[in-house]
Amino acid sequence: PEDGLVNITIYDMMGRQISTLVSGQQTAGYNIVQWNATNTFGEAVSAGLYLYTIHAGEFTQTRKMVLLK
């Protein structure tokens, strides 16, 4: 693992950006990120399916998550 720029962004199922959790330089190793189920404006989002995308160097991954309330 190497230090690098990391972006973690959450989208709704329509592809609209909901929130950016991480955007910047991160140290190598394990890191924990927790989403408080709010959008960029601090408003609570509804329960449902969301996508999160992780970009770190050459690595990119998109996964689904279920938000239950």
N, C-alpha and C. Protein backbone atom coordinates (compact mmCIF):
# COMPACT_ATOMS: atom_id res chain seq x y z
N PRO A 1 0.82 -1.21 0.00
CA PRO A 1 0.00 0.00 0.00
C PRO A 1 0.86 1.26 0.00
N GLU A 2 0.36 2.28 -0.66
CA GLU A 2 1.06 3.56 -0.75
C GLU A 2 0.10 4.70 -0.41
N ASP A 3 0.63 5.78 0.14
CA ASP A 3 -0.17 6.99 0.34
C ASP A 3 -0.65 7.47 -1.02
N GLY A 4 -1.80 8.12 -1.08
CA GLY A 4 -2.28 8.62 -2.35
C GLY A 4 -3.58 9.38 -2.23
N LEU A 5 -4.01 9.91 -3.36
CA LEU A 5 -5.28 10.63 -3.42
C LEU A 5 -6.43 9.63 -3.42
N VAL A 6 -7.41 9.86 -2.58
CA VAL A 6 -8.56 8.97 -2.46
C VAL A 6 -9.83 9.79 -2.55
N ASN A 7 -10.79 9.28 -3.31
CA ASN A 7 -12.11 9.89 -3.40
C ASN A 7 -13.15 8.81 -3.14
N ILE A 8 -14.06 9.07 -2.23
CA ILE A 8 -15.19 8.17 -1.98
C ILE A 8 -16.45 9.01 -2.11
N THR A 9 -17.28 8.64 -3.08
CA THR A 9 -18.48 9.41 -3.40
C THR A 9 -19.69 8.51 -3.37
N ILE A 10 -20.80 9.04 -2.90
CA ILE A 10 -22.06 8.29 -2.83
C ILE A 10 -23.02 8.86 -3.86
N TYR A 11 -23.71 7.95 -4.57
CA TYR A 11 -24.68 8.32 -5.61
C TYR A 11 -26.00 7.61 -5.32
N ASP A 12 -27.10 8.21 -5.78
CA ASP A 12 -28.37 7.49 -5.73
C ASP A 12 -28.44 6.58 -6.96
N MET A 13 -29.50 5.80 -7.06
CA MET A 13 -29.59 4.84 -8.16
C MET A 13 -29.86 5.50 -9.51
N MET A 14 -30.15 6.80 -9.50
CA MET A 14 -30.31 7.54 -10.75
C MET A 14 -28.98 8.14 -11.20
N GLY A 15 -27.92 7.94 -10.41
CA GLY A 15 -26.61 8.44 -10.77
C GLY A 15 -26.32 9.85 -10.28
N ARG A 16 -27.22 10.41 -9.48
CA ARG A 16 -27.00 11.75 -8.94
C ARG A 16 -26.08 11.68 -7.73
N GLN A 17 -25.12 12.57 -7.68
CA GLN A 17 -24.18 12.59 -6.56
C GLN A 17 -24.89 13.05 -5.30
N ILE A 18 -24.75 12.27 -4.23
CA ILE A 18 -25.40 12.58 -2.96
C ILE A 18 -24.42 13.22 -1.99
N SER A 19 -23.23 12.64 -1.87
CA SER A 19 -22.25 13.12 -0.90
C SER A 19 -20.86 12.66 -1.27
N THR A 20 -19.87 13.45 -0.91
CA THR A 20 -18.47 13.05 -1.04
C THR A 20 -17.92 12.85 0.37
N LEU A 21 -17.53 11.62 0.68
CA LEU A 21 -17.07 11.30 2.03
C LEU A 21 -15.59 11.60 2.21
N VAL A 22 -14.81 11.30 1.18
CA VAL A 22 -13.36 11.52 1.24
C VAL A 22 -12.93 12.13 -0.08
N SER A 23 -12.09 13.14 -0.02
CA SER A 23 -11.53 13.74 -1.22
C SER A 23 -10.20 14.36 -0.85
N GLY A 24 -9.15 13.58 -0.99
CA GLY A 24 -7.84 14.12 -0.64
C GLY A 24 -6.81 13.05 -0.37
N GLN A 25 -5.67 13.48 0.08
CA GLN A 25 -4.55 12.60 0.38
C GLN A 25 -4.86 11.73 1.60
N GLN A 26 -4.60 10.43 1.49
CA GLN A 26 -4.81 9.50 2.60
C GLN A 26 -3.55 8.67 2.80
N THR A 27 -3.31 8.28 4.05
CA THR A 27 -2.15 7.43 4.34
C THR A 27 -2.48 5.99 3.96
N ALA A 28 -1.44 5.23 3.64
CA ALA A 28 -1.61 3.83 3.28
C ALA A 28 -2.08 3.03 4.48
N GLY A 29 -2.77 1.94 4.21
CA GLY A 29 -3.24 1.06 5.28
C GLY A 29 -4.75 1.09 5.40
N TYR A 30 -5.24 0.52 6.48
CA TYR A 30 -6.68 0.45 6.71
C TYR A 30 -7.20 1.79 7.22
N ASN A 31 -8.31 2.22 6.64
CA ASN A 31 -8.98 3.44 7.07
C ASN A 31 -10.47 3.15 7.18
N ILE A 32 -11.12 3.77 8.12
CA ILE A 32 -12.55 3.59 8.32
C ILE A 32 -13.27 4.88 7.95
N VAL A 33 -14.32 4.74 7.14
CA VAL A 33 -15.14 5.89 6.74
C VAL A 33 -16.58 5.56 7.10
N GLN A 34 -17.25 6.50 7.72
CA GLN A 34 -18.64 6.29 8.12
C GLN A 34 -19.49 7.40 7.52
N TRP A 35 -20.60 7.01 6.91
CA TRP A 35 -21.52 7.97 6.30
C TRP A 35 -22.68 8.20 7.26
N ASN A 36 -23.02 9.45 7.50
CA ASN A 36 -24.11 9.77 8.43
C ASN A 36 -25.47 9.88 7.74
N ALA A 37 -25.58 9.34 6.54
CA ALA A 37 -26.84 9.28 5.78
C ALA A 37 -27.41 10.67 5.48
N THR A 38 -26.51 11.62 5.20
CA THR A 38 -26.94 12.95 4.78
C THR A 38 -26.35 13.27 3.42
N ASN A 39 -26.95 14.23 2.75
CA ASN A 39 -26.42 14.66 1.46
C ASN A 39 -25.39 15.78 1.66
N THR A 40 -24.94 16.36 0.58
CA THR A 40 -23.93 17.41 0.62
C THR A 40 -24.40 18.62 1.44
N PHE A 41 -25.71 18.83 1.52
CA PHE A 41 -26.27 19.98 2.23
C PHE A 41 -26.60 19.67 3.69
N GLY A 42 -26.27 18.47 4.14
CA GLY A 42 -26.54 18.09 5.52
C GLY A 42 -27.95 17.60 5.78
N GLU A 43 -28.72 17.41 4.70
CA GLU A 43 -30.10 16.93 4.83
C GLU A 43 -30.12 15.41 4.85
N ALA A 44 -30.95 14.84 5.70
CA ALA A 44 -31.07 13.38 5.78
C ALA A 44 -31.61 12.83 4.46
N VAL A 45 -31.06 11.71 4.03
CA VAL A 45 -31.54 11.05 2.81
C VAL A 45 -32.48 9.92 3.21
N SER A 46 -33.30 9.49 2.27
CA SER A 46 -34.27 8.43 2.57
C SER A 46 -33.62 7.06 2.49
N ALA A 47 -34.27 6.10 3.13
CA ALA A 47 -33.81 4.71 3.07
C ALA A 47 -33.88 4.24 1.62
N GLY A 48 -33.00 3.33 1.25
CA GLY A 48 -33.02 2.81 -0.10
C GLY A 48 -31.66 2.32 -0.54
N LEU A 49 -31.54 2.11 -1.84
CA LEU A 49 -30.31 1.62 -2.45
C LEU A 49 -29.45 2.79 -2.91
N TYR A 50 -28.16 2.71 -2.63
CA TYR A 50 -27.21 3.74 -3.04
C TYR A 50 -25.97 3.07 -3.60
N LEU A 51 -25.21 3.81 -4.37
CA LEU A 51 -23.92 3.35 -4.89
C LEU A 51 -22.81 4.16 -4.26
N TYR A 52 -21.69 3.52 -3.99
CA TYR A 52 -20.51 4.27 -3.56
C TYR A 52 -19.36 3.90 -4.48
N THR A 53 -18.57 4.89 -4.83
CA THR A 53 -17.42 4.71 -5.70
C THR A 53 -16.17 5.11 -4.96
N ILE A 54 -15.17 4.24 -5.02
CA ILE A 54 -13.87 4.51 -4.41
C ILE A 54 -12.84 4.65 -5.53
N HIS A 55 -12.15 5.78 -5.56
CA HIS A 55 -11.03 6.00 -6.48
C HIS A 55 -9.78 6.18 -5.63
N ALA A 56 -8.77 5.37 -5.88
CA ALA A 56 -7.50 5.49 -5.15
C ALA A 56 -6.39 5.13 -6.13
N GLY A 57 -5.69 6.14 -6.62
CA GLY A 57 -4.64 5.88 -7.61
C GLY A 57 -5.25 5.27 -8.86
N GLU A 58 -4.75 4.10 -9.26
CA GLU A 58 -5.26 3.39 -10.43
C GLU A 58 -6.48 2.54 -10.10
N PHE A 59 -6.81 2.40 -8.83
CA PHE A 59 -7.91 1.55 -8.37
C PHE A 59 -9.23 2.31 -8.39
N THR A 60 -10.25 1.69 -8.96
CA THR A 60 -11.61 2.24 -8.93
C THR A 60 -12.57 1.10 -8.69
N GLN A 61 -13.51 1.31 -7.77
CA GLN A 61 -14.50 0.28 -7.50
C GLN A 61 -15.83 0.94 -7.15
N THR A 62 -16.91 0.38 -7.70
CA THR A 62 -18.26 0.86 -7.39
C THR A 62 -19.05 -0.31 -6.84
N ARG A 63 -19.74 -0.07 -5.74
CA ARG A 63 -20.55 -1.11 -5.09
C ARG A 63 -21.90 -0.54 -4.68
N LYS A 64 -22.86 -1.44 -4.48
CA LYS A 64 -24.18 -1.06 -3.98
C LYS A 64 -24.19 -1.15 -2.46
N MET A 65 -25.03 -0.33 -1.85
CA MET A 65 -25.28 -0.48 -0.41
C MET A 65 -26.75 -0.17 -0.15
N VAL A 66 -27.25 -0.76 0.91
CA VAL A 66 -28.64 -0.56 1.32
C VAL A 66 -28.63 0.28 2.59
N LEU A 67 -29.37 1.37 2.56
CA LEU A 67 -29.51 2.21 3.74
C LEU A 67 -30.86 1.90 4.38
N LEU A 68 -30.81 1.38 5.60
CA LEU A 68 -32.02 1.07 6.36
C LEU A 68 -32.17 2.09 7.47
N LYS A 69 -33.40 2.50 7.72
CA LYS A 69 -33.65 3.46 8.81
C LYS A 69 -34.65 2.89 9.78
